Full PDB file with SEQRES, HELIX, SHEET, SSBOND, CRYST1, ORIGX, SCALE, CONECT and MASTER records, all heavy atoms in Angstrom:
SEQRES   1 A   37  VAL ARG ASN ASP PRO ARG LEU ARG GLY GLU ALA THR PHE          
SEQRES   2 A   37  ILE ARG SER TRP GLN ALA PRO SER MET THR ALA GLY GLU          
SEQRES   3 A   37  THR ARG HIS SER GLU PRO LEU GLU VAL LEU ARG                  
HELIX    1 AA1 THR A   27  HIS A   29  5                                   3    
HELIX    2 AA2 SER A   30  LEU A   36  1                                   7    
CRYST1    1.000    1.000    1.000  90.00  90.00  90.00 P 1           1          
ORIGX1      1.000000  0.000000  0.000000        0.00000                         
ORIGX2      0.000000  1.000000  0.000000        0.00000                         
ORIGX3      0.000000  0.000000  1.000000        0.00000                         
SCALE1      1.000000  0.000000  0.000000        0.00000                         
SCALE2      0.000000  1.000000  0.000000        0.00000                         
SCALE3      0.000000  0.000000  1.000000        0.00000                         
ATOM      1  N   VAL A   1       7.237  10.349  -9.074  1.00  0.00           N  
ATOM      2  CA  VAL A   1       7.296   9.839 -10.405  1.00  0.00           C  
ATOM      3  C   VAL A   1       8.752   9.491 -10.780  1.00  0.00           C  
ATOM      4  O   VAL A   1       9.641  10.366 -10.573  1.00  0.00           O  
ATOM      5  CB  VAL A   1       6.682  10.872 -11.460  1.00  0.00           C  
ATOM      6  CG1 VAL A   1       6.826  10.275 -12.853  1.00  0.00           C  
ATOM      7  CG2 VAL A   1       5.284  11.156 -11.052  1.00  0.00           C  
ATOM      8  N   ARG A   2       8.990   8.353 -11.279  1.00  0.00           N  
ATOM      9  CA  ARG A   2      10.284   7.976 -11.781  1.00  0.00           C  
ATOM     10  C   ARG A   2      10.130   7.486 -13.262  1.00  0.00           C  
ATOM     11  O   ARG A   2       9.403   6.559 -13.513  1.00  0.00           O  
ATOM     12  CB  ARG A   2      10.899   6.925 -10.936  1.00  0.00           C  
ATOM     13  CG  ARG A   2      12.299   6.402 -11.492  1.00  0.00           C  
ATOM     14  CD  ARG A   2      12.874   5.231 -10.768  1.00  0.00           C  
ATOM     15  NE  ARG A   2      13.233   5.586  -9.389  1.00  0.00           N  
ATOM     16  CZ  ARG A   2      14.354   6.051  -9.055  1.00  0.00           C  
ATOM     17  NH1 ARG A   2      15.300   6.356  -9.862  1.00  0.00           N  
ATOM     18  NH2 ARG A   2      14.609   6.301  -7.764  1.00  0.00           N  
ATOM     19  N   ASN A   3      10.921   8.128 -14.178  1.00  0.00           N  
ATOM     20  CA  ASN A   3      10.970   7.645 -15.503  1.00  0.00           C  
ATOM     21  C   ASN A   3      12.348   6.972 -15.659  1.00  0.00           C  
ATOM     22  O   ASN A   3      13.408   7.616 -15.466  1.00  0.00           O  
ATOM     23  CB  ASN A   3      10.919   8.837 -16.545  1.00  0.00           C  
ATOM     24  CG  ASN A   3       9.523   9.437 -16.519  1.00  0.00           C  
ATOM     25  OD1 ASN A   3       9.261  10.335 -15.822  1.00  0.00           O  
ATOM     26  ND2 ASN A   3       8.666   8.938 -17.357  1.00  0.00           N  
ATOM     27  N   ASP A   4      12.273   5.646 -15.945  1.00  0.00           N  
ATOM     28  CA  ASP A   4      13.514   4.862 -15.959  1.00  0.00           C  
ATOM     29  C   ASP A   4      13.794   4.401 -17.401  1.00  0.00           C  
ATOM     30  O   ASP A   4      13.019   3.711 -17.911  1.00  0.00           O  
ATOM     31  CB  ASP A   4      13.445   3.699 -15.056  1.00  0.00           C  
ATOM     32  CG  ASP A   4      14.810   3.117 -14.742  1.00  0.00           C  
ATOM     33  OD1 ASP A   4      15.583   2.803 -15.671  1.00  0.00           O  
ATOM     34  OD2 ASP A   4      15.075   2.901 -13.455  1.00  0.00           O  
ATOM     35  N   PRO A   5      14.976   4.738 -17.945  1.00  0.00           N  
ATOM     36  CA  PRO A   5      15.279   4.288 -19.331  1.00  0.00           C  
ATOM     37  C   PRO A   5      15.446   2.831 -19.504  1.00  0.00           C  
ATOM     38  O   PRO A   5      15.370   2.246 -20.517  1.00  0.00           O  
ATOM     39  CB  PRO A   5      16.519   5.103 -19.737  1.00  0.00           C  
ATOM     40  CG  PRO A   5      17.160   5.442 -18.323  1.00  0.00           C  
ATOM     41  CD  PRO A   5      15.960   5.593 -17.445  1.00  0.00           C  
ATOM     42  N   ARG A   6      15.699   2.177 -18.386  1.00  0.00           N  
ATOM     43  CA  ARG A   6      15.981   0.683 -18.407  1.00  0.00           C  
ATOM     44  C   ARG A   6      14.612  -0.130 -18.372  1.00  0.00           C  
ATOM     45  O   ARG A   6      14.619  -1.315 -18.538  1.00  0.00           O  
ATOM     46  CB  ARG A   6      16.798   0.285 -17.225  1.00  0.00           C  
ATOM     47  CG  ARG A   6      18.200   0.942 -17.142  1.00  0.00           C  
ATOM     48  CD  ARG A   6      18.890   0.549 -15.896  1.00  0.00           C  
ATOM     49  NE  ARG A   6      18.134   1.053 -14.683  1.00  0.00           N  
ATOM     50  CZ  ARG A   6      18.387   0.667 -13.432  1.00  0.00           C  
ATOM     51  NH1 ARG A   6      19.296  -0.252 -13.269  1.00  0.00           N  
ATOM     52  NH2 ARG A   6      17.750   1.218 -12.462  1.00  0.00           N  
ATOM     53  N   LEU A   7      13.536   0.567 -18.162  1.00  0.00           N  
ATOM     54  CA  LEU A   7      12.286  -0.184 -17.981  1.00  0.00           C  
ATOM     55  C   LEU A   7      11.877  -0.774 -19.356  1.00  0.00           C  
ATOM     56  O   LEU A   7      11.735  -0.085 -20.333  1.00  0.00           O  
ATOM     57  CB  LEU A   7      11.138   0.794 -17.530  1.00  0.00           C  
ATOM     58  CG  LEU A   7       9.920   0.178 -17.144  1.00  0.00           C  
ATOM     59  CD1 LEU A   7      10.052  -0.675 -15.875  1.00  0.00           C  
ATOM     60  CD2 LEU A   7       8.805   1.246 -16.805  1.00  0.00           C  
ATOM     61  N   ARG A   8      11.803  -2.049 -19.375  1.00  0.00           N  
ATOM     62  CA  ARG A   8      11.439  -2.882 -20.533  1.00  0.00           C  
ATOM     63  C   ARG A   8      10.013  -3.442 -20.449  1.00  0.00           C  
ATOM     64  O   ARG A   8       9.427  -3.726 -21.469  1.00  0.00           O  
ATOM     65  CB  ARG A   8      12.422  -3.969 -20.784  1.00  0.00           C  
ATOM     66  CG  ARG A   8      13.843  -3.462 -21.008  1.00  0.00           C  
ATOM     67  CD  ARG A   8      13.950  -2.771 -22.375  1.00  0.00           C  
ATOM     68  NE  ARG A   8      15.261  -2.257 -22.658  1.00  0.00           N  
ATOM     69  CZ  ARG A   8      15.738  -1.061 -22.428  1.00  0.00           C  
ATOM     70  NH1 ARG A   8      14.827  -0.209 -21.898  1.00  0.00           N  
ATOM     71  NH2 ARG A   8      16.930  -0.682 -22.654  1.00  0.00           N  
ATOM     72  N   GLY A   9       9.469  -3.544 -19.302  1.00  0.00           N  
ATOM     73  CA  GLY A   9       8.102  -4.063 -19.195  1.00  0.00           C  
ATOM     74  C   GLY A   9       7.131  -2.968 -18.967  1.00  0.00           C  
ATOM     75  O   GLY A   9       7.336  -1.864 -19.373  1.00  0.00           O  
ATOM     76  N   GLU A  10       6.000  -3.257 -18.335  1.00  0.00           N  
ATOM     77  CA  GLU A  10       4.913  -2.346 -18.130  1.00  0.00           C  
ATOM     78  C   GLU A  10       5.256  -1.416 -17.060  1.00  0.00           C  
ATOM     79  O   GLU A  10       6.144  -1.629 -16.251  1.00  0.00           O  
ATOM     80  CB  GLU A  10       3.673  -3.152 -17.736  1.00  0.00           C  
ATOM     81  CG  GLU A  10       3.092  -3.985 -18.882  1.00  0.00           C  
ATOM     82  CD  GLU A  10       3.767  -5.385 -18.999  1.00  0.00           C  
ATOM     83  OE1 GLU A  10       4.629  -5.681 -18.115  1.00  0.00           O  
ATOM     84  OE2 GLU A  10       3.424  -6.179 -19.861  1.00  0.00           O  
ATOM     85  N   ALA A  11       4.537  -0.293 -17.053  1.00  0.00           N  
ATOM     86  CA  ALA A  11       4.620   0.690 -15.943  1.00  0.00           C  
ATOM     87  C   ALA A  11       4.025   0.154 -14.655  1.00  0.00           C  
ATOM     88  O   ALA A  11       3.414  -0.916 -14.662  1.00  0.00           O  
ATOM     89  CB  ALA A  11       3.890   1.976 -16.386  1.00  0.00           C  
ATOM     90  N   THR A  12       4.203   0.926 -13.650  1.00  0.00           N  
ATOM     91  CA  THR A  12       3.540   0.543 -12.382  1.00  0.00           C  
ATOM     92  C   THR A  12       2.981   1.858 -11.752  1.00  0.00           C  
ATOM     93  O   THR A  12       3.509   2.877 -11.641  1.00  0.00           O  
ATOM     94  CB  THR A  12       4.674   0.052 -11.335  1.00  0.00           C  
ATOM     95  OG1 THR A  12       5.279  -1.180 -11.930  1.00  0.00           O  
ATOM     96  CG2 THR A  12       4.056  -0.327  -9.963  1.00  0.00           C  
ATOM     97  N   PHE A  13       1.739   1.633 -11.156  1.00  0.00           N  
ATOM     98  CA  PHE A  13       0.989   2.678 -10.435  1.00  0.00           C  
ATOM     99  C   PHE A  13       0.802   2.157  -9.034  1.00  0.00           C  
ATOM    100  O   PHE A  13       0.453   1.067  -8.754  1.00  0.00           O  
ATOM    101  CB  PHE A  13      -0.313   3.035 -11.046  1.00  0.00           C  
ATOM    102  CG  PHE A  13      -1.191   3.885 -10.221  1.00  0.00           C  
ATOM    103  CD1 PHE A  13      -0.738   5.236  -9.927  1.00  0.00           C  
ATOM    104  CD2 PHE A  13      -2.428   3.539  -9.732  1.00  0.00           C  
ATOM    105  CE1 PHE A  13      -1.469   6.053  -9.058  1.00  0.00           C  
ATOM    106  CE2 PHE A  13      -3.191   4.366  -8.924  1.00  0.00           C  
ATOM    107  CZ  PHE A  13      -2.715   5.654  -8.641  1.00  0.00           C  
ATOM    108  N   ILE A  14       1.156   3.041  -7.981  1.00  0.00           N  
ATOM    109  CA  ILE A  14       0.839   2.818  -6.565  1.00  0.00           C  
ATOM    110  C   ILE A  14       0.051   3.916  -5.945  1.00  0.00           C  
ATOM    111  O   ILE A  14       0.407   5.032  -6.208  1.00  0.00           O  
ATOM    112  CB  ILE A  14       2.174   2.606  -5.802  1.00  0.00           C  
ATOM    113  CG1 ILE A  14       2.953   1.457  -6.461  1.00  0.00           C  
ATOM    114  CG2 ILE A  14       1.916   2.358  -4.346  1.00  0.00           C  
ATOM    115  CD1 ILE A  14       2.573   0.080  -5.997  1.00  0.00           C  
ATOM    116  N   ARG A  15      -0.941   3.532  -5.168  1.00  0.00           N  
ATOM    117  CA  ARG A  15      -1.579   4.518  -4.241  1.00  0.00           C  
ATOM    118  C   ARG A  15      -1.404   4.017  -2.875  1.00  0.00           C  
ATOM    119  O   ARG A  15      -1.651   2.793  -2.553  1.00  0.00           O  
ATOM    120  CB  ARG A  15      -3.019   4.687  -4.592  1.00  0.00           C  
ATOM    121  CG  ARG A  15      -3.672   5.756  -3.713  1.00  0.00           C  
ATOM    122  CD  ARG A  15      -3.555   7.114  -4.392  1.00  0.00           C  
ATOM    123  NE  ARG A  15      -3.727   8.245  -3.474  1.00  0.00           N  
ATOM    124  CZ  ARG A  15      -3.556   9.488  -3.884  1.00  0.00           C  
ATOM    125  NH1 ARG A  15      -3.308   9.732  -5.114  1.00  0.00           N  
ATOM    126  NH2 ARG A  15      -3.660  10.476  -2.950  1.00  0.00           N  
ATOM    127  N   SER A  16      -0.806   4.785  -1.996  1.00  0.00           N  
ATOM    128  CA  SER A  16      -0.459   4.351  -0.602  1.00  0.00           C  
ATOM    129  C   SER A  16      -1.012   5.168   0.460  1.00  0.00           C  
ATOM    130  O   SER A  16      -0.939   6.419   0.406  1.00  0.00           O  
ATOM    131  CB  SER A  16       1.093   4.331  -0.436  1.00  0.00           C  
ATOM    132  OG  SER A  16       1.419   3.742   0.807  1.00  0.00           O  
ATOM    133  N   TRP A  17      -1.710   4.539   1.368  1.00  0.00           N  
ATOM    134  CA  TRP A  17      -2.375   5.241   2.550  1.00  0.00           C  
ATOM    135  C   TRP A  17      -1.699   4.821   3.783  1.00  0.00           C  
ATOM    136  O   TRP A  17      -1.420   3.677   4.061  1.00  0.00           O  
ATOM    137  CB  TRP A  17      -3.819   4.954   2.660  1.00  0.00           C  
ATOM    138  CG  TRP A  17      -4.728   5.412   1.658  1.00  0.00           C  
ATOM    139  CD1 TRP A  17      -5.578   6.578   1.647  1.00  0.00           C  
ATOM    140  CD2 TRP A  17      -5.077   4.868   0.357  1.00  0.00           C  
ATOM    141  NE1 TRP A  17      -6.328   6.651   0.550  1.00  0.00           N  
ATOM    142  CE2 TRP A  17      -6.051   5.600  -0.335  1.00  0.00           C  
ATOM    143  CE3 TRP A  17      -4.592   3.623  -0.291  1.00  0.00           C  
ATOM    144  CZ2 TRP A  17      -6.553   5.332  -1.530  1.00  0.00           C  
ATOM    145  CZ3 TRP A  17      -5.146   3.374  -1.552  1.00  0.00           C  
ATOM    146  CH2 TRP A  17      -6.051   4.220  -2.169  1.00  0.00           C  
ATOM    147  N   GLN A  18      -1.399   5.769   4.746  1.00  0.00           N  
ATOM    148  CA  GLN A  18      -0.965   5.402   6.130  1.00  0.00           C  
ATOM    149  C   GLN A  18      -2.123   4.702   6.747  1.00  0.00           C  
ATOM    150  O   GLN A  18      -3.302   4.976   6.560  1.00  0.00           O  
ATOM    151  CB  GLN A  18      -0.606   6.676   6.945  1.00  0.00           C  
ATOM    152  CG  GLN A  18       0.573   7.417   6.363  1.00  0.00           C  
ATOM    153  CD  GLN A  18       0.804   8.744   7.165  1.00  0.00           C  
ATOM    154  OE1 GLN A  18       0.128   9.024   8.098  1.00  0.00           O  
ATOM    155  NE2 GLN A  18       1.766   9.536   6.697  1.00  0.00           N  
ATOM    156  N   ALA A  19      -1.742   3.628   7.514  1.00  0.00           N  
ATOM    157  CA  ALA A  19      -2.707   2.692   8.124  1.00  0.00           C  
ATOM    158  C   ALA A  19      -2.275   2.279   9.483  1.00  0.00           C  
ATOM    159  O   ALA A  19      -1.074   2.096   9.766  1.00  0.00           O  
ATOM    160  CB  ALA A  19      -2.963   1.562   7.200  1.00  0.00           C  
ATOM    161  N   PRO A  20      -3.287   1.934  10.339  1.00  0.00           N  
ATOM    162  CA  PRO A  20      -2.986   1.341  11.631  1.00  0.00           C  
ATOM    163  C   PRO A  20      -2.575  -0.089  11.480  1.00  0.00           C  
ATOM    164  O   PRO A  20      -2.827  -0.693  10.330  1.00  0.00           O  
ATOM    165  CB  PRO A  20      -4.251   1.509  12.382  1.00  0.00           C  
ATOM    166  CG  PRO A  20      -5.339   1.495  11.361  1.00  0.00           C  
ATOM    167  CD  PRO A  20      -4.640   2.139  10.194  1.00  0.00           C  
ATOM    168  N   SER A  21      -1.953  -0.694  12.470  1.00  0.00           N  
ATOM    169  CA  SER A  21      -1.621  -2.103  12.354  1.00  0.00           C  
ATOM    170  C   SER A  21      -2.180  -2.807  13.647  1.00  0.00           C  
ATOM    171  O   SER A  21      -2.979  -2.173  14.421  1.00  0.00           O  
ATOM    172  CB  SER A  21      -0.135  -2.296  12.400  1.00  0.00           C  
ATOM    173  OG  SER A  21       0.418  -1.969  13.623  1.00  0.00           O  
ATOM    174  N   MET A  22      -1.806  -4.046  13.913  1.00  0.00           N  
ATOM    175  CA  MET A  22      -2.205  -4.743  15.095  1.00  0.00           C  
ATOM    176  C   MET A  22      -1.478  -4.199  16.427  1.00  0.00           C  
ATOM    177  O   MET A  22      -1.844  -4.583  17.492  1.00  0.00           O  
ATOM    178  CB  MET A  22      -1.946  -6.196  14.935  1.00  0.00           C  
ATOM    179  CG  MET A  22      -2.777  -6.916  13.896  1.00  0.00           C  
ATOM    180  SD  MET A  22      -2.413  -8.652  13.687  1.00  0.00           S  
ATOM    181  CE  MET A  22      -3.191  -9.310  15.185  1.00  0.00           C  
ATOM    182  N   THR A  23      -0.486  -3.269  16.122  1.00  0.00           N  
ATOM    183  CA  THR A  23       0.290  -2.836  17.337  1.00  0.00           C  
ATOM    184  C   THR A  23       0.274  -1.327  17.481  1.00  0.00           C  
ATOM    185  O   THR A  23       0.778  -0.833  18.476  1.00  0.00           O  
ATOM    186  CB  THR A  23       1.704  -3.299  17.203  1.00  0.00           C  
ATOM    187  OG1 THR A  23       2.356  -2.675  16.080  1.00  0.00           O  
ATOM    188  CG2 THR A  23       1.842  -4.783  17.062  1.00  0.00           C  
ATOM    189  N   ALA A  24      -0.259  -0.618  16.473  1.00  0.00           N  
ATOM    190  CA  ALA A  24      -0.227   0.831  16.543  1.00  0.00           C  
ATOM    191  C   ALA A  24      -1.362   1.439  15.930  1.00  0.00           C  
ATOM    192  O   ALA A  24      -1.954   0.899  14.913  1.00  0.00           O  
ATOM    193  CB  ALA A  24       1.053   1.376  15.781  1.00  0.00           C  
ATOM    194  N   GLY A  25      -1.785   2.676  16.381  1.00  0.00           N  
ATOM    195  CA  GLY A  25      -2.981   3.356  15.837  1.00  0.00           C  
ATOM    196  C   GLY A  25      -4.292   2.648  16.291  1.00  0.00           C  
ATOM    197  O   GLY A  25      -4.345   2.036  17.326  1.00  0.00           O  
ATOM    198  N   GLU A  26      -5.302   2.829  15.456  1.00  0.00           N  
ATOM    199  CA  GLU A  26      -6.618   2.204  15.710  1.00  0.00           C  
ATOM    200  C   GLU A  26      -6.492   0.710  15.410  1.00  0.00           C  
ATOM    201  O   GLU A  26      -6.926   0.324  14.264  1.00  0.00           O  
ATOM    202  CB  GLU A  26      -7.674   2.869  14.940  1.00  0.00           C  
ATOM    203  CG  GLU A  26      -7.932   4.339  15.403  1.00  0.00           C  
ATOM    204  CD  GLU A  26      -8.668   4.446  16.704  1.00  0.00           C  
ATOM    205  OE1 GLU A  26      -9.149   3.469  17.174  1.00  0.00           O  
ATOM    206  OE2 GLU A  26      -8.588   5.501  17.243  1.00  0.00           O  
ATOM    207  N   THR A  27      -5.988  -0.020  16.421  1.00  0.00           N  
ATOM    208  CA  THR A  27      -5.754  -1.445  16.134  1.00  0.00           C  
ATOM    209  C   THR A  27      -6.991  -2.269  15.796  1.00  0.00           C  
ATOM    210  O   THR A  27      -6.872  -3.333  15.127  1.00  0.00           O  
ATOM    211  CB  THR A  27      -5.009  -2.098  17.323  1.00  0.00           C  
ATOM    212  OG1 THR A  27      -5.830  -1.926  18.538  1.00  0.00           O  
ATOM    213  CG2 THR A  27      -3.635  -1.374  17.617  1.00  0.00           C  
ATOM    214  N   ARG A  28      -8.110  -1.710  16.198  1.00  0.00           N  
ATOM    215  CA  ARG A  28      -9.350  -2.506  15.887  1.00  0.00           C  
ATOM    216  C   ARG A  28      -9.639  -2.601  14.431  1.00  0.00           C  
ATOM    217  O   ARG A  28     -10.476  -3.335  13.903  1.00  0.00           O  
ATOM    218  CB  ARG A  28     -10.555  -1.806  16.675  1.00  0.00           C  
ATOM    219  CG  ARG A  28     -10.809  -0.320  16.138  1.00  0.00           C  
ATOM    220  CD  ARG A  28     -11.731   0.476  17.077  1.00  0.00           C  
ATOM    221  NE  ARG A  28     -11.807   1.818  16.748  1.00  0.00           N  
ATOM    222  CZ  ARG A  28     -12.625   2.353  15.868  1.00  0.00           C  
ATOM    223  NH1 ARG A  28     -13.577   1.565  15.240  1.00  0.00           N  
ATOM    224  NH2 ARG A  28     -12.690   3.662  15.612  1.00  0.00           N  
ATOM    225  N   HIS A  29      -8.946  -1.721  13.575  1.00  0.00           N  
ATOM    226  CA  HIS A  29      -9.222  -1.674  12.150  1.00  0.00           C  
ATOM    227  C   HIS A  29      -8.381  -2.761  11.464  1.00  0.00           C  
ATOM    228  O   HIS A  29      -8.563  -2.935  10.214  1.00  0.00           O  
ATOM    229  CB  HIS A  29      -8.906  -0.332  11.540  1.00  0.00           C  
ATOM    230  CG  HIS A  29      -9.864   0.701  11.910  1.00  0.00           C  
ATOM    231  ND1 HIS A  29     -11.192   0.496  12.032  1.00  0.00           N  
ATOM    232  CD2 HIS A  29      -9.665   2.066  12.203  1.00  0.00           C  
ATOM    233  CE1 HIS A  29     -11.858   1.706  12.303  1.00  0.00           C  
ATOM    234  NE2 HIS A  29     -10.913   2.633  12.496  1.00  0.00           N  
ATOM    235  N   SER A  30      -7.470  -3.414  12.199  1.00  0.00           N  
ATOM    236  CA  SER A  30      -6.549  -4.281  11.497  1.00  0.00           C  
ATOM    237  C   SER A  30      -7.144  -5.476  10.731  1.00  0.00           C  
ATOM    238  O   SER A  30      -6.961  -5.617   9.503  1.00  0.00           O  
ATOM    239  CB  SER A  30      -5.500  -4.830  12.451  1.00  0.00           C  
ATOM    240  OG  SER A  30      -4.556  -5.606  11.779  1.00  0.00           O  
ATOM    241  N   GLU A  31      -8.025  -6.272  11.449  1.00  0.00           N  
ATOM    242  CA  GLU A  31      -8.663  -7.418  10.714  1.00  0.00           C  
ATOM    243  C   GLU A  31      -9.635  -6.893   9.600  1.00  0.00           C  
ATOM    244  O   GLU A  31      -9.659  -7.414   8.550  1.00  0.00           O  
ATOM    245  CB  GLU A  31      -9.317  -8.315  11.735  1.00  0.00           C  
ATOM    246  CG  GLU A  31      -8.456  -9.317  12.328  1.00  0.00           C  
ATOM    247  CD  GLU A  31      -7.901  -8.809  13.715  1.00  0.00           C  
ATOM    248  OE1 GLU A  31      -8.357  -7.688  14.160  1.00  0.00           O  
ATOM    249  OE2 GLU A  31      -6.999  -9.489  14.236  1.00  0.00           O  
ATOM    250  N   PRO A  32     -10.421  -5.859   9.831  1.00  0.00           N  
ATOM    251  CA  PRO A  32     -11.244  -5.347   8.760  1.00  0.00           C  
ATOM    252  C   PRO A  32     -10.426  -4.834   7.556  1.00  0.00           C  
ATOM    253  O   PRO A  32     -10.860  -4.968   6.474  1.00  0.00           O  
ATOM    254  CB  PRO A  32     -11.973  -4.160   9.449  1.00  0.00           C  
ATOM    255  CG  PRO A  32     -12.128  -4.518  10.898  1.00  0.00           C  
ATOM    256  CD  PRO A  32     -10.798  -5.263  11.198  1.00  0.00           C  
ATOM    257  N   LEU A  33      -9.273  -4.295   7.822  1.00  0.00           N  
ATOM    258  CA  LEU A  33      -8.413  -3.888   6.647  1.00  0.00           C  
ATOM    259  C   LEU A  33      -7.881  -5.120   5.841  1.00  0.00           C  
ATOM    260  O   LEU A  33      -7.688  -5.056   4.671  1.00  0.00           O  
ATOM    261  CB  LEU A  33      -7.260  -2.949   7.221  1.00  0.00           C  
ATOM    262  CG  LEU A  33      -7.647  -1.536   7.568  1.00  0.00           C  
ATOM    263  CD1 LEU A  33      -6.442  -0.867   8.203  1.00  0.00           C  
ATOM    264  CD2 LEU A  33      -8.158  -0.747   6.323  1.00  0.00           C  
ATOM    265  N   GLU A  34      -7.682  -6.152   6.583  1.00  0.00           N  
ATOM    266  CA  GLU A  34      -7.211  -7.444   5.910  1.00  0.00           C  
ATOM    267  C   GLU A  34      -8.408  -7.886   4.968  1.00  0.00           C  
ATOM    268  O   GLU A  34      -8.096  -8.322   3.823  1.00  0.00           O  
ATOM    269  CB  GLU A  34      -6.957  -8.490   6.906  1.00  0.00           C  
ATOM    270  CG  GLU A  34      -5.733  -8.359   7.812  1.00  0.00           C  
ATOM    271  CD  GLU A  34      -4.434  -8.636   7.098  1.00  0.00           C  
ATOM    272  OE1 GLU A  34      -4.483  -9.048   5.896  1.00  0.00           O  
ATOM    273  OE2 GLU A  34      -3.448  -8.568   7.760  1.00  0.00           O  
ATOM    274  N   VAL A  35      -9.599  -7.809   5.435  1.00  0.00           N  
ATOM    275  CA  VAL A  35     -10.775  -8.201   4.566  1.00  0.00           C  
ATOM    276  C   VAL A  35     -10.890  -7.250   3.428  1.00  0.00           C  
ATOM    277  O   VAL A  35     -11.130  -7.574   2.317  1.00  0.00           O  
ATOM    278  CB  VAL A  35     -11.999  -8.304   5.457  1.00  0.00           C  
ATOM    279  CG1 VAL A  35     -13.203  -8.613   4.584  1.00  0.00           C  
ATOM    280  CG2 VAL A  35     -11.893  -9.371   6.540  1.00  0.00           C  
ATOM    281  N   LEU A  36     -10.739  -5.899   3.696  1.00  0.00           N  
ATOM    282  CA  LEU A  36     -10.911  -4.878   2.768  1.00  0.00           C  
ATOM    283  C   LEU A  36      -9.806  -5.109   1.654  1.00  0.00           C  
ATOM    284  O   LEU A  36     -10.099  -4.973   0.406  1.00  0.00           O  
ATOM    285  CB  LEU A  36     -10.718  -3.522   3.385  1.00  0.00           C  
ATOM    286  CG  LEU A  36     -10.664  -2.322   2.387  1.00  0.00           C  
ATOM    287  CD1 LEU A  36     -12.125  -2.156   1.755  1.00  0.00           C  
ATOM    288  CD2 LEU A  36     -10.372  -1.060   3.069  1.00  0.00           C  
ATOM    289  N   ARG A  37      -8.553  -5.495   2.021  1.00  0.00           N  
ATOM    290  CA  ARG A  37      -7.530  -5.719   1.050  1.00  0.00           C  
ATOM    291  C   ARG A  37      -7.946  -6.838   0.099  1.00  0.00           C  
ATOM    292  O   ARG A  37      -7.751  -6.635  -1.073  1.00  0.00           O  
ATOM    293  CB  ARG A  37      -6.211  -6.106   1.758  1.00  0.00           C  
ATOM    294  CG  ARG A  37      -5.092  -6.501   0.793  1.00  0.00           C  
ATOM    295  CD  ARG A  37      -4.104  -7.414   1.462  1.00  0.00           C  
ATOM    296  NE  ARG A  37      -4.770  -8.716   1.855  1.00  0.00           N  
ATOM    297  CZ  ARG A  37      -5.024  -9.721   0.983  1.00  0.00           C  
ATOM    298  NH1 ARG A  37      -4.800  -9.599  -0.328  1.00  0.00           N  
ATOM    299  NH2 ARG A  37      -5.570 -10.808   1.422  1.00  0.00           N  
TER     300      ARG A  37                                                      
MASTER        0    0    0    2    0    0    0    6  299    1    0    3          
END                                                                             
């Protein structure tokens, strides 16, 4: 969490999951994750 006094616009929320790519991990999930995105 970052509270920034300079922020003049809206806030931002992020949720981030570790994921495989076309070169690492379960590479078979890469194109399905593109569709999911």
